C-alpha atoms as a PDB file:
ATOM      1  CA  UNK A   1     -50.575   3.031  -4.726  1.00  0.00           C
ATOM      2  CA  UNK A   2     -51.940   6.156  -2.901  1.00  0.00           C
ATOM      3  CA  UNK A   3     -54.385   6.993  -5.630  1.00  0.00           C
ATOM      4  CA  UNK A   4     -55.889   3.716  -5.536  1.00  0.00           C
ATOM      5  CA  UNK A   5     -56.791   4.440  -1.349  1.00  0.00           C
ATOM      6  CA  UNK A   6     -57.871   7.772  -2.385  1.00  0.00           C
ATOM      7  CA  UNK A   7     -60.259   6.163  -4.900  1.00  0.00           C
ATOM      8  CA  UNK A   8     -61.564   3.561  -2.482  1.00  0.00           C
ATOM      9  CA  UNK A   9     -62.431   6.356   0.172  1.00  0.00           C
ATOM     10  CA  UNK A  10     -63.915   8.905  -2.426  1.00  0.00           C
ATOM     11  CA  UNK A  11     -66.451   5.663  -3.654  1.00  0.00           C
ATOM     12  CA  UNK A  12     -66.927   5.045  -0.249  1.00  0.00           C
ATOM     13  CA  UNK A  13     -68.053   8.749   0.630  1.00  0.00           C
ATOM     14  CA  UNK A  14     -70.026   8.661  -2.016  1.00  0.00           C
ATOM     15  CA  UNK A  15     -71.922   5.846  -1.399  1.00  0.00           C
ATOM     16  CA  UNK A  16     -72.352   6.965   2.104  1.00  0.00           C
ATOM     17  CA  UNK A  17     -74.022   9.823   0.549  1.00  0.00           C
ATOM     18  CA  UNK A  18     -76.098   8.059  -2.137  1.00  0.00           C
ATOM     19  CA  UNK A  19     -77.335   5.689   1.119  1.00  0.00           C
ATOM     20  CA  UNK A  20     -78.184   8.917   2.866  1.00  0.00           C
ATOM     21  CA  UNK A  21     -79.977  10.686   0.316  1.00  0.00           C
ATOM     22  CA  UNK A  22     -81.913   7.381  -0.394  1.00  0.00           C
ATOM     23  CA  UNK A  23     -82.900   7.359   3.137  1.00  0.00           C
ATOM     24  CA  UNK A  24     -84.026  10.630   3.305  1.00  0.00           C
ATOM     25  CA  UNK A  25     -86.326  10.185   0.306  1.00  0.00           C
ATOM     26  CA  UNK A  26     -87.960   7.219   1.227  1.00  0.00           C
ATOM     27  CA  UNK A  27     -88.295   8.114   4.573  1.00  0.00           C
ATOM     28  CA  UNK A  28     -91.167  10.210   4.660  1.00  0.00           C
ATOM     29  CA  UNK A  29     -92.907   7.247   3.281  1.00  0.00           C
ATOM     30  CA  UNK A  30     -91.740   4.702   4.097  1.00  0.00           C
ATOM     31  CA  UNK A  31     -90.380   5.155   7.432  1.00  0.00           C
ATOM     32  CA  UNK A  32     -92.521   7.297   8.939  1.00  0.00           C
ATOM     33  CA  UNK A  33     -92.929   6.078  12.391  1.00  0.00           C
ATOM     34  CA  UNK A  34     -89.078   6.827  13.195  1.00  0.00           C
ATOM     35  CA  UNK A  35     -88.570   9.961  14.753  1.00  0.00           C
ATOM     36  CA  UNK A  36     -85.290  10.888  12.863  1.00  0.00           C
ATOM     37  CA  UNK A  37     -83.817   8.064  10.502  1.00  0.00           C
ATOM     38  CA  UNK A  38     -79.902   7.674  10.663  1.00  0.00           C
ATOM     39  CA  UNK A  39     -78.778   6.263   7.177  1.00  0.00           C
ATOM     40  CA  UNK A  40     -76.442   3.953   8.897  1.00  0.00           C
ATOM     41  CA  UNK A  41     -78.377   2.319  11.272  1.00  0.00           C
ATOM     42  CA  UNK A  42     -81.193   1.491   8.327  1.00  0.00           C
ATOM     43  CA  UNK A  43     -80.613  -1.995   7.801  1.00  0.00           C
ATOM     44  CA  UNK A  44     -79.760  -2.954   4.081  1.00  0.00           C
ATOM     45  CA  UNK A  45     -82.930  -5.291   3.639  1.00  0.00           C
ATOM     46  CA  UNK A  46     -85.283  -2.261   5.072  1.00  0.00           C
ATOM     47  CA  UNK A  47     -83.656   0.068   2.571  1.00  0.00           C
ATOM     48  CA  UNK A  48     -84.071  -2.323  -0.317  1.00  0.00           C
ATOM     49  CA  UNK A  49     -87.471  -3.732   0.402  1.00  0.00           C
ATOM     50  CA  UNK A  50     -88.725   0.134   1.242  1.00  0.00           C
ATOM     51  CA  UNK A  51     -87.360   1.630  -1.484  1.00  0.00           C
ATOM     52  CA  UNK A  52     -88.806  -1.144  -4.110  1.00  0.00           C
ATOM     53  CA  UNK A  53     -91.999  -0.507  -2.763  1.00  0.00           C
ATOM     54  CA  UNK A  54     -92.523   3.063  -2.234  1.00  0.00           C
ATOM     55  CA  UNK A  55     -89.638   4.688  -4.124  1.00  0.00           C
ATOM     56  CA  UNK A  56     -89.783   5.860  -7.775  1.00  0.00           C
ATOM     57  CA  UNK A  57     -87.893   4.363 -10.807  1.00  0.00           C
ATOM     58  CA  UNK A  58     -85.000   6.339 -10.450  1.00  0.00           C
ATOM     59  CA  UNK A  59     -84.480   6.098  -6.644  1.00  0.00           C
ATOM     60  CA  UNK A  60     -84.907   1.822  -7.795  1.00  0.00           C
ATOM     61  CA  UNK A  61     -81.895   2.358  -9.848  1.00  0.00           C
ATOM     62  CA  UNK A  62     -79.630   4.523  -7.640  1.00  0.00           C
ATOM     63  CA  UNK A  63     -80.134   0.515  -5.198  1.00  0.00           C
ATOM     64  CA  UNK A  64     -78.006  -0.480  -8.220  1.00  0.00           C
ATOM     65  CA  UNK A  65     -74.849   1.870  -6.975  1.00  0.00           C
ATOM     66  CA  UNK A  66     -74.812   0.794  -3.624  1.00  0.00           C
ATOM     67  CA  UNK A  67     -76.030  -2.348  -3.569  1.00  0.00           C
ATOM     68  CA  UNK A  68     -75.576  -6.102  -5.895  1.00  0.00           C
ATOM     69  CA  UNK A  69     -78.267  -6.738  -8.329  1.00  0.00           C
ATOM     70  CA  UNK A  70     -78.745 -10.436  -6.334  1.00  0.00           C
ATOM     71  CA  UNK A  71     -79.355  -8.718  -3.402  1.00  0.00           C
ATOM     72  CA  UNK A  72     -81.571  -6.829  -4.180  1.00  0.00           C
ATOM     73  CA  UNK A  73     -83.536  -9.856  -6.452  1.00  0.00           C
ATOM     74  CA  UNK A  74     -82.733 -11.787  -3.337  1.00  0.00           C
ATOM     75  CA  UNK A  75     -85.039  -9.152  -0.983  1.00  0.00           C
ATOM     76  CA  UNK A  76     -87.565  -8.947  -3.357  1.00  0.00           C
ATOM     77  CA  UNK A  77     -88.529 -12.066  -3.866  1.00  0.00           C
ATOM     78  CA  UNK A  78     -88.286 -13.018  -0.042  1.00  0.00           C
ATOM     79  CA  UNK A  79     -90.374  -9.932   0.540  1.00  0.00           C
ATOM     80  CA  UNK A  80     -92.240  -8.703  -1.508  1.00  0.00           C
ATOM     81  CA  UNK A  81     -93.490 -11.461  -3.864  1.00  0.00           C
ATOM     82  CA  UNK A  82     -94.937 -13.330  -0.828  1.00  0.00           C
ATOM     83  CA  UNK A  83     -97.237 -10.376  -0.474  1.00  0.00           C
ATOM     84  CA  UNK A  84     -99.128 -11.169  -3.755  1.00  0.00           C
ATOM     85  CA  UNK A  85    -101.602 -10.397  -5.194  1.00  0.00           C
ATOM     86  CA  UNK A  86    -101.811  -7.415  -3.625  1.00  0.00           C
ATOM     87  CA  UNK A  87     -98.323  -6.166  -4.895  1.00  0.00           C
ATOM     88  CA  UNK A  88     -98.810  -7.724  -8.205  1.00  0.00           C
ATOM     89  CA  UNK A  89     -98.736  -4.769 -10.302  1.00  0.00           C
ATOM     90  CA  UNK A  90     -95.460  -3.682  -8.933  1.00  0.00           C
ATOM     91  CA  UNK A  91     -93.895  -7.117  -8.612  1.00  0.00           C
ATOM     92  CA  UNK A  92     -94.877  -7.706 -12.290  1.00  0.00           C
ATOM     93  CA  UNK A  93     -93.133  -3.994 -13.055  1.00  0.00           C
ATOM     94  CA  UNK A  94     -90.112  -4.448 -11.254  1.00  0.00           C
ATOM     95  CA  UNK A  95     -89.156  -8.306 -12.362  1.00  0.00           C
ATOM     96  CA  UNK A  96     -89.841  -7.133 -16.135  1.00  0.00           C
ATOM     97  CA  UNK A  97     -88.475  -3.942 -15.823  1.00  0.00           C
ATOM     98  CA  UNK A  98     -86.018  -3.674 -13.588  1.00  0.00           C
ATOM     99  CA  UNK A  99     -84.907  -7.121 -13.282  1.00  0.00           C
ATOM    100  CA  UNK A 100     -85.337  -7.819 -16.829  1.00  0.00           C
ATOM    101  CA  UNK A 101     -87.157 -11.090 -16.497  1.00  0.00           C
ATOM    102  CA  UNK A 102     -88.343 -12.430 -19.772  1.00  0.00           C
ATOM    103  CA  UNK A 103     -91.300 -14.353 -18.159  1.00  0.00           C
ATOM    104  CA  UNK A 104     -91.934 -12.518 -15.321  1.00  0.00           C
ATOM    105  CA  UNK A 105     -95.152 -14.313 -14.042  1.00  0.00           C
ATOM    106  CA  UNK A 106     -93.491 -17.453 -14.313  1.00  0.00           C
ATOM    107  CA  UNK A 107     -91.011 -16.185 -11.810  1.00  0.00           C
ATOM    108  CA  UNK A 108     -93.286 -14.940  -9.544  1.00  0.00           C
ATOM    109  CA  UNK A 109     -95.451 -17.975  -9.505  1.00  0.00           C
ATOM    110  CA  UNK A 110     -92.386 -19.872  -8.806  1.00  0.00           C
ATOM    111  CA  UNK A 111     -90.440 -16.945  -5.793  1.00  0.00           C
ATOM    112  CA  UNK A 112     -93.976 -16.721  -4.586  1.00  0.00           C
ATOM    113  CA  UNK A 113     -94.224 -20.770  -4.041  1.00  0.00           C
ATOM    114  CA  UNK A 114     -90.631 -20.948  -2.642  1.00  0.00           C
ATOM    115  CA  UNK A 115     -90.620 -18.332   0.224  1.00  0.00           C
ATOM    116  CA  UNK A 116     -94.769 -18.501   1.010  1.00  0.00           C
ATOM    117  CA  UNK A 117     -94.475 -20.470   4.292  1.00  0.00           C
ATOM    118  CA  UNK A 118     -97.815 -19.784   5.335  1.00  0.00           C
ATOM    119  CA  UNK A 119     -99.233 -21.606   1.917  1.00  0.00           C
ATOM    120  CA  UNK A 120     -96.660 -24.467   2.623  1.00  0.00           C
ATOM    121  CA  UNK A 121     -97.578 -25.113   6.130  1.00  0.00           C
ATOM    122  CA  UNK A 122    -101.069 -24.687   6.160  1.00  0.00           C
ATOM    123  CA  UNK A 123    -101.772 -27.071   3.660  1.00  0.00           C
END
């Protein structure tokens, strides 16, 4: 049983290092209003959102090592898709390249309609 425990500890340590390197890479672009950002203090949702908006393709792919695809997609739909049309090109790229959605325009339109509270309650 000892090898399983060491493997778990090793993976947890590796995840921590991946998270730290991701926060350090994205902080100057996305978390600039904080004096010093401790990786453990950045909420998962905030990290995912900022990496999707400000990160490179490689940084976006590194999110998959830290979080389940469903969690990343949920945050993308709730926080980025509702910023249409400002983030339209980015949303289209994320939908087609990152999530491999077959009809990105329709998916974005449906997610926008579902999560955009302003349009639902202002009519």
